[in-house]
Amino acid sequence: MKHRVTENDGTLVVAFEGDVDLKTSPEARKVLLETVARHLPIIVDLSGVQYIDSSGVASLIEAYQKARKTGQKFALAAVSDSALRVLNLARMDKVFTICPSVADGLAKVR
């Protein structure tokens, strides 16, 4: 799994690429929590994620909960079809704000 964190007009965009699974979710968790610690709105770009398992979803949930506690906005964007299926099965599509693109996500959290 690769990741990239960029800042776009005061919003952090975390882009993951590859699988977010038991092997890579500790790294994803670390990246997400470090990003939340910066106290800016966050967009998680999942367009490059081909597979996410429950440990990856748990990392997203933990970051989302920490962001909520500090009043930060947090959204998922450009979620790949395979990742969206997992989120739907876990009913996390009811929890997360999911935007069709990063641009839509940026507009939503500003």
Protein backbone atom coordinates (compact mmCIF):
# COMPACT_ATOMS: atom_id res chain seq x y z
CA MET A 1 0.00 0.00 0.00
CA LYS A 2 1.18 3.49 -0.86
CA HIS A 3 -0.13 6.73 0.55
CA ARG A 4 0.18 10.43 -0.09
CA VAL A 5 -0.92 13.33 2.11
CA THR A 6 -1.39 16.72 0.47
CA GLU A 7 -2.92 19.98 1.59
CA ASN A 8 -5.48 21.79 -0.55
CA ASP A 9 -6.49 25.24 0.76
CA GLY A 10 -6.51 24.15 4.40
CA THR A 11 -7.92 20.66 3.83
CA LEU A 12 -5.78 17.54 4.05
CA VAL A 13 -6.23 14.90 1.38
CA VAL A 14 -5.00 11.41 2.26
CA ALA A 15 -4.80 9.19 -0.82
CA PHE A 16 -4.26 5.45 -0.44
CA GLU A 17 -3.29 3.11 -3.25
CA GLY A 18 -3.29 -0.67 -3.11
CA ASP A 19 -4.79 -3.01 -0.53
CA VAL A 20 -5.67 -1.87 2.98
CA ASP A 21 -5.70 -5.16 4.84
CA LEU A 22 -4.35 -6.81 7.98
CA LYS A 23 -0.78 -6.37 6.73
CA THR A 24 -1.05 -2.70 5.74
CA SER A 25 -3.77 -1.33 8.03
CA PRO A 26 -1.32 -0.46 10.86
CA GLU A 27 0.46 1.90 8.46
CA ALA A 28 -2.88 3.30 7.23
CA ARG A 29 -3.98 3.82 10.85
CA LYS A 30 -0.74 5.66 11.66
CA VAL A 31 -1.07 7.93 8.63
CA LEU A 32 -4.71 8.70 9.38
CA LEU A 33 -4.14 9.46 13.07
CA GLU A 34 -1.14 11.67 12.27
CA THR A 35 -3.33 13.52 9.79
CA VAL A 36 -6.14 13.95 12.32
CA ALA A 37 -3.60 15.36 14.80
CA ARG A 38 -3.06 18.30 12.42
CA HIS A 39 -6.61 19.54 13.24
CA LEU A 40 -7.68 20.34 9.68
CA PRO A 41 -10.59 18.98 7.62
CA ILE A 42 -9.74 15.62 6.05
CA ILE A 43 -10.65 13.89 2.79
CA VAL A 44 -9.63 10.25 2.40
CA ASP A 45 -9.25 9.42 -1.28
CA LEU A 46 -9.95 5.70 -1.76
CA SER A 47 -9.96 5.68 -5.56
CA GLY A 48 -6.74 3.65 -5.63
CA VAL A 49 -7.83 1.07 -3.06
CA GLN A 50 -8.65 -2.22 -4.72
CA TYR A 51 -9.29 -4.15 -1.50
CA ILE A 52 -10.10 -3.13 2.07
CA ASP A 53 -10.85 -5.54 4.89
CA SER A 54 -12.29 -5.07 8.37
CA SER A 55 -8.95 -3.91 9.79
CA GLY A 56 -8.81 -1.19 7.15
CA VAL A 57 -12.38 -0.16 7.90
CA ALA A 58 -11.50 -0.09 11.62
CA SER A 59 -8.63 2.31 10.87
CA LEU A 60 -11.01 4.62 9.02
CA ILE A 61 -13.53 4.47 11.87
CA GLU A 62 -10.92 5.27 14.51
CA ALA A 63 -9.68 8.29 12.57
CA TYR A 64 -13.26 9.44 11.93
CA GLN A 65 -14.13 9.20 15.64
CA LYS A 66 -11.03 11.15 16.69
CA ALA A 67 -11.77 13.82 14.08
CA ARG A 68 -15.36 14.14 15.30
CA LYS A 69 -14.22 14.61 18.90
CA THR A 70 -12.23 17.67 17.88
CA GLY A 71 -14.86 19.03 15.50
CA GLN A 72 -12.92 18.25 12.34
CA LYS A 73 -14.77 17.44 9.16
CA PHE A 74 -13.93 14.02 7.69
CA ALA A 75 -15.13 12.52 4.42
CA LEU A 76 -14.30 9.66 2.09
CA ALA A 77 -14.00 10.45 -1.60
CA ALA A 78 -13.79 8.64 -4.93
CA VAL A 79 -14.30 5.29 -3.19
CA SER A 80 -13.54 2.42 -5.55
CA ASP A 81 -16.38 -0.01 -6.28
CA SER A 82 -14.71 -2.85 -4.36
CA ALA A 83 -14.06 -0.69 -1.29
CA LEU A 84 -17.59 0.70 -1.45
CA ARG A 85 -19.03 -2.83 -1.40
CA VAL A 86 -17.18 -3.54 1.84
CA LEU A 87 -18.32 -0.25 3.39
CA ASN A 88 -21.90 -0.98 2.35
CA LEU A 89 -21.77 -4.50 3.82
CA ALA A 90 -20.47 -3.09 7.10
CA ARG A 91 -23.15 -0.38 6.90
CA MET A 92 -20.44 2.24 7.15
CA ASP A 93 -21.97 4.06 4.19
CA LYS A 94 -24.49 5.30 6.80
CA VAL A 95 -21.69 6.61 9.06
CA PHE A 96 -19.19 8.22 6.71
CA THR A 97 -19.80 11.14 4.40
CA ILE A 98 -18.96 9.60 1.01
CA CYS A 99 -18.38 11.92 -1.93
CA PRO A 100 -18.11 10.88 -5.59
CA SER A 101 -14.84 12.77 -6.12
CA VAL A 102 -12.11 14.54 -4.19
CA ALA A 103 -13.38 17.86 -5.58
CA ASP A 104 -16.86 17.11 -4.21
CA GLY A 105 -15.30 16.13 -0.89
CA LEU A 106 -13.35 19.37 -0.70
CA ALA A 107 -16.53 21.35 -1.32
CA LYS A 108 -18.37 19.31 1.32
CA VAL A 109 -15.85 19.81 4.16
CA ARG A 110 -15.14 23.49 3.60
